Structure formats: structure tokens, C-alpha cells
PDB file of all heavy atoms in Angstrom:
ATOM      1  N   THR A   1       0.810  -1.171  -0.007  1.00  0.00           N
ATOM      2  CA  THR A   1      -0.027  -0.033  -0.014  1.00  0.00           C
ATOM      3  C   THR A   1       0.908   1.175   0.029  1.00  0.00           C
ATOM      4  O   THR A   1       2.003   1.218   0.518  1.00  0.00           O
ATOM      5  CB  THR A   1      -0.902   0.036   1.266  1.00  0.00           C
ATOM      6  OG1 THR A   1      -0.092   0.017   2.470  1.00  0.00           O
ATOM      7  CG2 THR A   1      -1.874  -1.092   1.223  1.00  0.00           C
ATOM      8  N   VAL A   2       0.385   2.292  -0.525  1.00  0.00           N
ATOM      9  CA  VAL A   2       1.075   3.627  -0.632  1.00  0.00           C
ATOM     10  C   VAL A   2       0.107   4.589   0.117  1.00  0.00           C
ATOM     11  O   VAL A   2      -1.038   4.724  -0.219  1.00  0.00           O
ATOM     12  CB  VAL A   2       1.312   3.957  -2.209  1.00  0.00           C
ATOM     13  CG1 VAL A   2       2.139   5.298  -2.055  1.00  0.00           C
ATOM     14  CG2 VAL A   2       2.016   2.885  -2.899  1.00  0.00           C
ATOM     15  N   SER A   3       0.722   5.379   1.029  1.00  0.00           N
ATOM     16  CA  SER A   3      -0.013   6.465   1.718  1.00  0.00           C
ATOM     17  C   SER A   3      -0.438   7.521   0.677  1.00  0.00           C
ATOM     18  O   SER A   3       0.128   7.738  -0.381  1.00  0.00           O
ATOM     19  CB  SER A   3       0.776   7.061   2.725  1.00  0.00           C
ATOM     20  OG  SER A   3       1.969   7.784   2.186  1.00  0.00           O
ATOM     21  N   ALA A   4      -1.595   8.200   1.073  1.00  0.00           N
ATOM     22  CA  ALA A   4      -2.142   9.210   0.178  1.00  0.00           C
ATOM     23  C   ALA A   4      -1.120  10.258  -0.198  1.00  0.00           C
ATOM     24  O   ALA A   4      -1.199  10.821  -1.360  1.00  0.00           O
ATOM     25  CB  ALA A   4      -3.354   9.749   0.774  1.00  0.00           C
ATOM     26  N   ASP A   5      -0.249  10.640   0.734  1.00  0.00           N
ATOM     27  CA  ASP A   5       0.774  11.634   0.235  1.00  0.00           C
ATOM     28  C   ASP A   5       1.964  11.087  -0.380  1.00  0.00           C
ATOM     29  O   ASP A   5       2.752  11.830  -0.756  1.00  0.00           O
ATOM     30  CB  ASP A   5       1.279  12.388   1.661  1.00  0.00           C
ATOM     31  CG  ASP A   5       2.001  11.458   2.656  1.00  0.00           C
ATOM     32  OD1 ASP A   5       2.156  10.218   2.288  1.00  0.00           O
ATOM     33  OD2 ASP A   5       2.247  11.756   3.748  1.00  0.00           O
ATOM     34  N   GLY A   6       2.058   9.847  -0.655  1.00  0.00           N
ATOM     35  CA  GLY A   6       3.041   9.202  -1.615  1.00  0.00           C
ATOM     36  C   GLY A   6       4.288   9.003  -0.785  1.00  0.00           C
ATOM     37  O   GLY A   6       5.373   8.849  -1.473  1.00  0.00           O
ATOM     38  N   LEU A   7       4.340   9.222   0.537  1.00  0.00           N
ATOM     39  CA  LEU A   7       5.692   9.109   1.376  1.00  0.00           C
ATOM     40  C   LEU A   7       5.836   7.823   1.922  1.00  0.00           C
ATOM     41  O   LEU A   7       7.061   7.519   2.390  1.00  0.00           O
ATOM     42  CB  LEU A   7       5.756  10.310   2.366  1.00  0.00           C
ATOM     43  CG  LEU A   7       5.621  11.678   1.714  1.00  0.00           C
ATOM     44  CD1 LEU A   7       5.643  12.737   2.917  1.00  0.00           C
ATOM     45  CD2 LEU A   7       6.823  11.955   0.821  1.00  0.00           C
ATOM     46  N   THR A   8       4.918   6.932   2.138  1.00  0.00           N
ATOM     47  CA  THR A   8       5.041   5.836   2.914  1.00  0.00           C
ATOM     48  C   THR A   8       4.566   4.510   2.078  1.00  0.00           C
ATOM     49  O   THR A   8       3.504   4.578   1.609  1.00  0.00           O
ATOM     50  CB  THR A   8       4.149   5.854   4.168  1.00  0.00           C
ATOM     51  OG1 THR A   8       4.526   6.905   4.957  1.00  0.00           O
ATOM     52  CG2 THR A   8       4.542   4.521   5.040  1.00  0.00           C
ATOM     53  N   TYR A   9       5.509   3.622   1.877  1.00  0.00           N
ATOM     54  CA  TYR A   9       5.230   2.347   1.214  1.00  0.00           C
ATOM     55  C   TYR A   9       5.310   1.192   2.166  1.00  0.00           C
ATOM     56  O   TYR A   9       6.288   1.054   2.778  1.00  0.00           O
ATOM     57  CB  TYR A   9       6.217   2.132  -0.030  1.00  0.00           C
ATOM     58  CG  TYR A   9       6.099   2.955  -1.190  1.00  0.00           C
ATOM     59  CD1 TYR A   9       6.380   4.335  -1.081  1.00  0.00           C
ATOM     60  CD2 TYR A   9       5.413   2.504  -2.383  1.00  0.00           C
ATOM     61  CE1 TYR A   9       6.039   5.212  -2.172  1.00  0.00           C
ATOM     62  CE2 TYR A   9       5.274   3.161  -3.446  1.00  0.00           C
ATOM     63  CZ  TYR A   9       5.537   4.622  -3.465  1.00  0.00           C
ATOM     64  OH  TYR A   9       5.244   5.368  -4.478  1.00  0.00           O
ATOM     65  N   THR A  10       4.288   0.479   2.275  1.00  0.00           N
ATOM     66  CA  THR A  10       4.195  -0.641   3.219  1.00  0.00           C
ATOM     67  C   THR A  10       3.876  -1.869   2.545  1.00  0.00           C
ATOM     68  O   THR A  10       2.921  -2.008   1.714  1.00  0.00           O
ATOM     69  CB  THR A  10       3.140  -0.384   4.335  1.00  0.00           C
ATOM     70  OG1 THR A  10       3.213   0.944   4.987  1.00  0.00           O
ATOM     71  CG2 THR A  10       3.043  -1.541   5.313  1.00  0.00           C
ATOM     72  N   TYR A  11       4.828  -2.882   2.675  1.00  0.00           N
ATOM     73  CA  TYR A  11       4.923  -4.180   1.985  1.00  0.00           C
ATOM     74  C   TYR A  11       4.422  -5.228   2.932  1.00  0.00           C
ATOM     75  O   TYR A  11       5.046  -5.416   3.945  1.00  0.00           O
ATOM     76  CB  TYR A  11       6.214  -4.385   1.229  1.00  0.00           C
ATOM     77  CG  TYR A  11       6.574  -3.403   0.359  1.00  0.00           C
ATOM     78  CD1 TYR A  11       7.271  -2.260   0.798  1.00  0.00           C
ATOM     79  CD2 TYR A  11       6.282  -3.368  -0.987  1.00  0.00           C
ATOM     80  CE1 TYR A  11       7.696  -1.273  -0.128  1.00  0.00           C
ATOM     81  CE2 TYR A  11       6.720  -2.487  -1.948  1.00  0.00           C
ATOM     82  CZ  TYR A  11       7.436  -1.368  -1.416  1.00  0.00           C
ATOM     83  OH  TYR A  11       7.849  -0.475  -2.294  1.00  0.00           O
ATOM     84  N   LYS A  12       3.418  -6.069   2.438  1.00  0.00           N
ATOM     85  CA  LYS A  12       3.085  -7.384   3.252  1.00  0.00           C
ATOM     86  C   LYS A  12       3.837  -8.497   2.644  1.00  0.00           C
ATOM     87  O   LYS A  12       3.743  -8.793   1.420  1.00  0.00           O
ATOM     88  CB  LYS A  12       1.484  -7.449   3.172  1.00  0.00           C
ATOM     89  CG  LYS A  12       0.848  -6.599   4.028  1.00  0.00           C
ATOM     90  CD  LYS A  12       1.074  -6.793   5.504  1.00  0.00           C
ATOM     91  CE  LYS A  12       0.268  -5.807   6.431  1.00  0.00           C
ATOM     92  NZ  LYS A  12       0.621  -6.096   7.877  1.00  0.00           N
ATOM     93  N   LEU A  13       4.653  -9.184   3.383  1.00  0.00           N
ATOM     94  CA  LEU A  13       5.393 -10.269   2.870  1.00  0.00           C
ATOM     95  C   LEU A  13       4.822 -11.584   2.918  1.00  0.00           C
ATOM     96  O   LEU A  13       3.736 -11.896   3.763  1.00  0.00           O
ATOM     97  CB  LEU A  13       6.758 -10.359   3.705  1.00  0.00           C
ATOM     98  CG  LEU A  13       7.863  -9.475   3.225  1.00  0.00           C
ATOM     99  CD1 LEU A  13       7.607  -8.097   3.168  1.00  0.00           C
ATOM    100  CD2 LEU A  13       9.040  -9.707   4.129  1.00  0.00           C
ATOM    101  N   ARG A  14       5.113 -12.518   1.983  1.00  0.00           N
ATOM    102  CA  ARG A  14       4.599 -13.840   1.981  1.00  0.00           C
ATOM    103  C   ARG A  14       4.982 -14.566   3.225  1.00  0.00           C
ATOM    104  O   ARG A  14       6.324 -14.465   3.666  1.00  0.00           O
ATOM    105  CB  ARG A  14       5.016 -14.583   0.822  1.00  0.00           C
ATOM    106  CG  ARG A  14       4.529 -14.040  -0.419  1.00  0.00           C
ATOM    107  CD  ARG A  14       5.078 -14.806  -1.747  1.00  0.00           C
ATOM    108  NE  ARG A  14       4.783 -14.089  -2.958  1.00  0.00           N
ATOM    109  CZ  ARG A  14       3.696 -14.153  -3.580  1.00  0.00           C
ATOM    110  NH1 ARG A  14       2.608 -14.924  -3.163  1.00  0.00           N
ATOM    111  NH2 ARG A  14       3.499 -13.514  -4.640  1.00  0.00           N
ATOM    112  N   LYS A  15       4.305 -15.344   3.839  1.00  0.00           N
ATOM    113  CA  LYS A  15       4.745 -16.237   5.035  1.00  0.00           C
ATOM    114  C   LYS A  15       5.218 -17.604   4.333  1.00  0.00           C
ATOM    115  O   LYS A  15       4.810 -18.067   3.289  1.00  0.00           O
ATOM    116  CB  LYS A  15       3.690 -16.519   5.971  1.00  0.00           C
ATOM    117  CG  LYS A  15       3.115 -15.283   6.706  1.00  0.00           C
ATOM    118  CD  LYS A  15       2.040 -15.631   7.498  1.00  0.00           C
ATOM    119  CE  LYS A  15       1.545 -14.399   8.325  1.00  0.00           C
ATOM    120  NZ  LYS A  15       0.361 -14.713   9.296  1.00  0.00           N
ATOM    121  N   GLY A  16       6.385 -18.071   4.955  1.00  0.00           N
ATOM    122  CA  GLY A  16       6.824 -19.319   4.528  1.00  0.00           C
ATOM    123  C   GLY A  16       7.881 -19.347   3.339  1.00  0.00           C
ATOM    124  O   GLY A  16       8.372 -20.407   3.019  1.00  0.00           O
ATOM    125  N   VAL A  17       8.343 -18.168   2.968  1.00  0.00           N
ATOM    126  CA  VAL A  17       9.487 -18.057   2.152  1.00  0.00           C
ATOM    127  C   VAL A  17      10.688 -18.327   2.755  1.00  0.00           C
ATOM    128  O   VAL A  17      11.023 -17.725   3.892  1.00  0.00           O
ATOM    129  CB  VAL A  17       9.513 -16.700   1.386  1.00  0.00           C
ATOM    130  CG1 VAL A  17      10.636 -16.586   0.381  1.00  0.00           C
ATOM    131  CG2 VAL A  17       8.140 -16.532   0.619  1.00  0.00           C
ATOM    132  N   LYS A  18      11.646 -19.269   2.372  1.00  0.00           N
ATOM    133  CA  LYS A  18      12.694 -19.612   3.222  1.00  0.00           C
ATOM    134  C   LYS A  18      14.062 -19.256   2.347  1.00  0.00           C
ATOM    135  O   LYS A  18      14.112 -19.156   1.179  1.00  0.00           O
ATOM    136  CB  LYS A  18      12.682 -21.235   3.307  1.00  0.00           C
ATOM    137  CG  LYS A  18      11.421 -21.710   4.015  1.00  0.00           C
ATOM    138  CD  LYS A  18      11.296 -21.185   5.492  1.00  0.00           C
ATOM    139  CE  LYS A  18      10.068 -21.694   6.158  1.00  0.00           C
ATOM    140  NZ  LYS A  18       9.913 -23.169   6.276  1.00  0.00           N
ATOM    141  N   TRP A  19      15.094 -19.196   3.347  1.00  0.00           N
ATOM    142  CA  TRP A  19      16.398 -19.180   2.802  1.00  0.00           C
ATOM    143  C   TRP A  19      16.971 -20.472   2.724  1.00  0.00           C
ATOM    144  O   TRP A  19      16.763 -21.306   3.565  1.00  0.00           O
ATOM    145  CB  TRP A  19      17.288 -18.391   3.753  1.00  0.00           C
ATOM    146  CG  TRP A  19      17.144 -16.892   3.825  1.00  0.00           C
ATOM    147  CD1 TRP A  19      16.555 -16.030   4.729  1.00  0.00           C
ATOM    148  CD2 TRP A  19      17.459 -15.881   2.758  1.00  0.00           C
ATOM    149  NE1 TRP A  19      16.538 -14.761   4.480  1.00  0.00           N
ATOM    150  CE2 TRP A  19      17.178 -14.577   3.117  1.00  0.00           C
ATOM    151  CE3 TRP A  19      18.102 -15.868   1.529  1.00  0.00           C
ATOM    152  CZ2 TRP A  19      17.366 -13.467   2.544  1.00  0.00           C
ATOM    153  CZ3 TRP A  19      18.350 -14.872   0.780  1.00  0.00           C
ATOM    154  CH2 TRP A  19      17.975 -13.648   1.332  1.00  0.00           C
ATOM    155  N   TYR A  20      17.816 -20.757   1.708  1.00  0.00           N
ATOM    156  CA  TYR A  20      18.475 -22.093   1.577  1.00  0.00           C
ATOM    157  C   TYR A  20      19.954 -21.856   1.364  1.00  0.00           C
ATOM    158  O   TYR A  20      20.405 -20.803   0.630  1.00  0.00           O
ATOM    159  CB  TYR A  20      17.886 -22.831   0.371  1.00  0.00           C
ATOM    160  CG  TYR A  20      16.434 -23.162   0.642  1.00  0.00           C
ATOM    161  CD1 TYR A  20      15.439 -22.282   0.140  1.00  0.00           C
ATOM    162  CD2 TYR A  20      16.087 -24.309   1.327  1.00  0.00           C
ATOM    163  CE1 TYR A  20      14.109 -22.566   0.384  1.00  0.00           C
ATOM    164  CE2 TYR A  20      14.686 -24.612   1.664  1.00  0.00           C
ATOM    165  CZ  TYR A  20      13.786 -23.753   1.084  1.00  0.00           C
ATOM    166  OH  TYR A  20      12.453 -24.031   1.418  1.00  0.00           O
ATOM    167  N   THR A  21      20.791 -22.826   1.779  1.00  0.00           N
ATOM    168  CA  THR A  21      22.217 -22.792   1.423  1.00  0.00           C
ATOM    169  C   THR A  21      22.483 -23.280   0.040  1.00  0.00           C
ATOM    170  O   THR A  21      21.518 -23.691  -0.634  1.00  0.00           O
ATOM    171  CB  THR A  21      22.814 -23.709   2.440  1.00  0.00           C
ATOM    172  OG1 THR A  21      22.556 -25.148   2.062  1.00  0.00           O
ATOM    173  CG2 THR A  21      22.614 -23.463   3.905  1.00  0.00           C
ATOM    174  N   SER A  22      23.753 -23.213  -0.352  1.00  0.00           N
ATOM    175  CA  SER A  22      24.031 -23.595  -1.789  1.00  0.00           C
ATOM    176  C   SER A  22      23.882 -25.128  -1.825  1.00  0.00           C
ATOM    177  O   SER A  22      23.797 -25.659  -3.051  1.00  0.00           O
ATOM    178  CB  SER A  22      25.530 -23.277  -2.084  1.00  0.00           C
ATOM    179  OG  SER A  22      26.352 -23.818  -1.223  1.00  0.00           O
ATOM    180  N   ASP A  23      23.826 -25.827  -0.751  1.00  0.00           N
ATOM    181  CA  ASP A  23      23.394 -27.265  -0.837  1.00  0.00           C
ATOM    182  C   ASP A  23      21.985 -27.603  -0.916  1.00  0.00           C
ATOM    183  O   ASP A  23      21.602 -28.774  -0.811  1.00  0.00           O
ATOM    184  CB  ASP A  23      24.095 -27.967   0.393  1.00  0.00           C
ATOM    185  CG  ASP A  23      25.651 -27.919   0.261  1.00  0.00           C
ATOM    186  OD1 ASP A  23      26.220 -28.016  -0.890  1.00  0.00           O
ATOM    187  OD2 ASP A  23      26.271 -27.871   1.383  1.00  0.00           O
ATOM    188  N   GLY A  24      21.166 -26.578  -0.785  1.00  0.00           N
ATOM    189  CA  GLY A  24      19.734 -26.714  -0.751  1.00  0.00           C
ATOM    190  C   GLY A  24      19.094 -27.032   0.544  1.00  0.00           C
ATOM    191  O   GLY A  24      17.884 -27.346   0.738  1.00  0.00           O
ATOM    192  N   GLU A  25      19.869 -26.724   1.540  1.00  0.00           N
ATOM    193  CA  GLU A  25      19.315 -26.989   2.947  1.00  0.00           C
ATOM    194  C   GLU A  25      18.737 -25.759   3.542  1.00  0.00           C
ATOM    195  O   GLU A  25      19.095 -24.621   3.262  1.00  0.00           O
ATOM    196  CB  GLU A  25      20.557 -27.345   3.925  1.00  0.00           C
ATOM    197  CG  GLU A  25      21.205 -28.764   3.597  1.00  0.00           C
ATOM    198  CD  GLU A  25      22.365 -29.005   4.465  1.00  0.00           C
ATOM    199  OE1 GLU A  25      22.710 -28.121   5.261  1.00  0.00           O
ATOM    200  OE2 GLU A  25      22.875 -30.122   4.315  1.00  0.00           O
ATOM    201  N   GLU A  26      17.529 -25.969   4.008  1.00  0.00           N
ATOM    202  CA  GLU A  26      16.729 -24.727   4.668  1.00  0.00           C
ATOM    203  C   GLU A  26      17.610 -24.189   5.875  1.00  0.00           C
ATOM    204  O   GLU A  26      18.140 -24.844   6.695  1.00  0.00           O
ATOM    205  CB  GLU A  26      15.429 -25.238   5.176  1.00  0.00           C
ATOM    206  CG  GLU A  26      14.625 -24.175   5.776  1.00  0.00           C
ATOM    207  CD  GLU A  26      13.214 -24.612   6.265  1.00  0.00           C
ATOM    208  OE1 GLU A  26      12.701 -25.536   5.693  1.00  0.00           O
ATOM    209  OE2 GLU A  26      12.770 -24.169   7.354  1.00  0.00           O
ATOM    210  N   TYR A  27      17.622 -22.867   5.755  1.00  0.00           N
ATOM    211  CA  TYR A  27      18.478 -22.075   6.683  1.00  0.00           C
ATOM    212  C   TYR A  27      17.619 -21.287   7.740  1.00  0.00           C
ATOM    213  O   TYR A  27      17.658 -21.285   9.011  1.00  0.00           O
ATOM    214  CB  TYR A  27      19.404 -21.179   6.016  1.00  0.00           C
ATOM    215  CG  TYR A  27      20.316 -20.496   7.052  1.00  0.00           C
ATOM    216  CD1 TYR A  27      21.504 -21.046   7.466  1.00  0.00           C
ATOM    217  CD2 TYR A  27      20.069 -19.193   7.591  1.00  0.00           C
ATOM    218  CE1 TYR A  27      22.410 -20.398   8.220  1.00  0.00           C
ATOM    219  CE2 TYR A  27      20.927 -18.615   8.488  1.00  0.00           C
ATOM    220  CZ  TYR A  27      22.179 -19.167   8.903  1.00  0.00           C
ATOM    221  OH  TYR A  27      22.960 -18.501   9.667  1.00  0.00           O
ATOM    222  N   ALA A  28      16.638 -20.421   7.159  1.00  0.00           N
ATOM    223  CA  ALA A  28      15.715 -19.699   7.912  1.00  0.00           C
ATOM    224  C   ALA A  28      14.692 -19.137   7.131  1.00  0.00           C
ATOM    225  O   ALA A  28      14.554 -19.223   5.871  1.00  0.00           O
ATOM    226  CB  ALA A  28      16.494 -18.450   8.574  1.00  0.00           C
ATOM    227  N   GLU A  29      13.549 -18.478   7.809  1.00  0.00           N
ATOM    228  CA  GLU A  29      12.484 -17.907   6.969  1.00  0.00           C
ATOM    229  C   GLU A  29      12.917 -16.573   6.550  1.00  0.00           C
ATOM    230  O   GLU A  29      13.621 -15.805   7.369  1.00  0.00           O
ATOM    231  CB  GLU A  29      11.219 -17.770   7.784  1.00  0.00           C
ATOM    232  CG  GLU A  29      10.070 -17.386   7.017  1.00  0.00           C
ATOM    233  CD  GLU A  29       8.725 -17.496   7.897  1.00  0.00           C
ATOM    234  OE1 GLU A  29       8.750 -17.613   9.136  1.00  0.00           O
ATOM    235  OE2 GLU A  29       7.583 -17.356   7.193  1.00  0.00           O
ATOM    236  N   VAL A  30      12.443 -15.993   5.536  1.00  0.00           N
ATOM    237  CA  VAL A  30      12.644 -14.697   5.017  1.00  0.00           C
ATOM    238  C   VAL A  30      11.807 -13.762   5.805  1.00  0.00           C
ATOM    239  O   VAL A  30      10.398 -13.963   5.641  1.00  0.00           O
ATOM    240  CB  VAL A  30      12.563 -14.385   3.589  1.00  0.00           C
ATOM    241  CG1 VAL A  30      12.857 -12.944   3.069  1.00  0.00           C
ATOM    242  CG2 VAL A  30      13.525 -15.451   2.768  1.00  0.00           C
ATOM    243  N   THR A  31      12.238 -12.848   6.430  1.00  0.00           N
ATOM    244  CA  THR A  31      11.389 -11.788   7.190  1.00  0.00           C
ATOM    245  C   THR A  31      11.562 -10.397   6.734  1.00  0.00           C
ATOM    246  O   THR A  31      12.642 -10.113   6.151  1.00  0.00           O
ATOM    247  CB  THR A  31      11.573 -11.980   8.599  1.00  0.00           C
ATOM    248  OG1 THR A  31      12.878 -11.542   9.031  1.00  0.00           O
ATOM    249  CG2 THR A  31      11.382 -13.436   9.108  1.00  0.00           C
ATOM    250  N   ALA A  32      10.756  -9.531   7.327  1.00  0.00           N
ATOM    251  CA  ALA A  32      11.032  -8.105   6.914  1.00  0.00           C
ATOM    252  C   ALA A  32      12.352  -7.456   7.541  1.00  0.00           C
ATOM    253  O   ALA A  32      12.969  -6.698   6.876  1.00  0.00           O
ATOM    254  CB  ALA A  32       9.886  -7.292   7.588  1.00  0.00           C
ATOM    255  N   LYS A  33      12.775  -7.919   8.604  1.00  0.00           N
ATOM    256  CA  LYS A  33      14.060  -7.614   9.155  1.00  0.00           C
ATOM    257  C   LYS A  33      15.266  -7.842   8.096  1.00  0.00           C
ATOM    258  O   LYS A  33      16.256  -7.123   8.109  1.00  0.00           O
ATOM    259  CB  LYS A  33      14.392  -8.412  10.455  1.00  0.00           C
ATOM    260  CG  LYS A  33      15.739  -8.106  11.037  1.00  0.00           C
ATOM    261  CD  LYS A  33      15.887  -8.814  12.325  1.00  0.00           C
ATOM    262  CE  LYS A  33      17.248  -8.434  12.943  1.00  0.00           C
ATOM    263  NZ  LYS A  33      17.517  -9.331  14.204  1.00  0.00           N
ATOM    264  N   ASP A  34      15.126  -8.849   7.239  1.00  0.00           N
ATOM    265  CA  ASP A  34      16.071  -9.075   6.277  1.00  0.00           C
ATOM    266  C   ASP A  34      16.337  -7.946   5.285  1.00  0.00           C
ATOM    267  O   ASP A  34      17.494  -7.749   4.880  1.00  0.00           O
ATOM    268  CB  ASP A  34      15.890 -10.389   5.578  1.00  0.00           C
ATOM    269  CG  ASP A  34      15.753 -11.605   6.529  1.00  0.00           C
ATOM    270  OD1 ASP A  34      16.357 -11.492   7.699  1.00  0.00           O
ATOM    271  OD2 ASP A  34      15.231 -12.632   6.176  1.00  0.00           O
ATOM    272  N   PHE A  35      15.246  -7.447   4.995  1.00  0.00           N
ATOM    273  CA  PHE A  35      15.341  -6.198   4.112  1.00  0.00           C
ATOM    274  C   PHE A  35      16.038  -4.974   4.744  1.00  0.00           C
ATOM    275  O   PHE A  35      16.771  -4.253   4.198  1.00  0.00           O
ATOM    276  CB  PHE A  35      13.927  -5.811   3.582  1.00  0.00           C
ATOM    277  CG  PHE A  35      13.427  -6.790   2.564  1.00  0.00           C
ATOM    278  CD1 PHE A  35      12.724  -7.897   3.111  1.00  0.00           C
ATOM    279  CD2 PHE A  35      13.575  -6.703   1.279  1.00  0.00           C
ATOM    280  CE1 PHE A  35      12.192  -8.911   2.257  1.00  0.00           C
ATOM    281  CE2 PHE A  35      13.075  -7.614   0.403  1.00  0.00           C
ATOM    282  CZ  PHE A  35      12.420  -8.779   0.935  1.00  0.00           C
ATOM    283  N   VAL A  36      15.827  -4.855   6.064  1.00  0.00           N
ATOM    284  CA  VAL A  36      16.304  -3.730   6.712  1.00  0.00           C
ATOM    285  C   VAL A  36      17.861  -4.040   6.873  1.00  0.00           C
ATOM    286  O   VAL A  36      18.815  -3.118   6.682  1.00  0.00           O
ATOM    287  CB  VAL A  36      15.693  -3.635   8.264  1.00  0.00           C
ATOM    288  CG1 VAL A  36      16.501  -2.447   8.989  1.00  0.00           C
ATOM    289  CG2 VAL A  36      14.273  -3.280   8.105  1.00  0.00           C
ATOM    290  N   THR A  37      18.202  -5.254   7.244  1.00  0.00           N
ATOM    291  CA  THR A  37      19.648  -5.629   7.342  1.00  0.00           C
ATOM    292  C   THR A  37      20.286  -5.468   6.031  1.00  0.00           C
ATOM    293  O   THR A  37      21.472  -4.988   5.958  1.00  0.00           O
ATOM    294  CB  THR A  37      19.768  -7.161   7.728  1.00  0.00           C
ATOM    295  OG1 THR A  37      18.994  -7.228   8.969  1.00  0.00           O
ATOM    296  CG2 THR A  37      21.108  -7.524   7.810  1.00  0.00           C
ATOM    297  N   GLY A  38      19.632  -5.746   4.921  1.00  0.00           N
ATOM    298  CA  GLY A  38      20.210  -5.619   3.582  1.00  0.00           C
ATOM    299  C   GLY A  38      20.664  -4.097   3.206  1.00  0.00           C
ATOM    300  O   GLY A  38      21.718  -3.910   2.798  1.00  0.00           O
ATOM    301  N   LEU A  39      19.742  -3.261   3.515  1.00  0.00           N
ATOM    302  CA  LEU A  39      20.029  -1.860   3.180  1.00  0.00           C
ATOM    303  C   LEU A  39      21.015  -1.301   4.168  1.00  0.00           C
ATOM    304  O   LEU A  39      22.006  -0.502   3.563  1.00  0.00           O
ATOM    305  CB  LEU A  39      18.705  -1.034   3.276  1.00  0.00           C
ATOM    306  CG  LEU A  39      18.917   0.449   2.808  1.00  0.00           C
ATOM    307  CD1 LEU A  39      19.310   0.509   1.355  1.00  0.00           C
ATOM    308  CD2 LEU A  39      17.591   1.216   2.972  1.00  0.00           C
ATOM    309  N   LYS A  40      21.093  -1.808   5.417  1.00  0.00           N
ATOM    310  CA  LYS A  40      22.123  -1.350   6.341  1.00  0.00           C
ATOM    311  C   LYS A  40      23.521  -1.793   5.888  1.00  0.00           C
ATOM    312  O   LYS A  40      24.452  -1.073   5.910  1.00  0.00           O
ATOM    313  CB  LYS A  40      21.839  -1.748   7.705  1.00  0.00           C
ATOM    314  CG  LYS A  40      22.866  -1.222   8.876  1.00  0.00           C
ATOM    315  CD  LYS A  40      22.507  -1.780  10.223  1.00  0.00           C
ATOM    316  CE  LYS A  40      23.417  -1.148  11.259  1.00  0.00           C
ATOM    317  NZ  LYS A  40      24.949  -1.467  11.053  1.00  0.00           N
TER     318      LYS A  40
END
């Protein structure tokens, strides 16, 4: 969703999307915090 003033973008993430290692092993769930960590 986008706020009426165009300044705030809020994204609802899918539940159950997972991170996997290069061997295909499940590591963790993808969460909103991961996007914050990425930009930092």
C-alpha cells in the first residue's frame, strides 16, 4: 500500500518463504528484518 501523500510504502510479505544454502538445505525464514539488514 502507498499512503495518500506518496511518502510511505508498506509491503506485506509472504509467509513461509525460506532461505536455503548452496546445498539446498533450509536455513531460515525470510522476514521483513532481512530487508532492513540488507540496506544497512
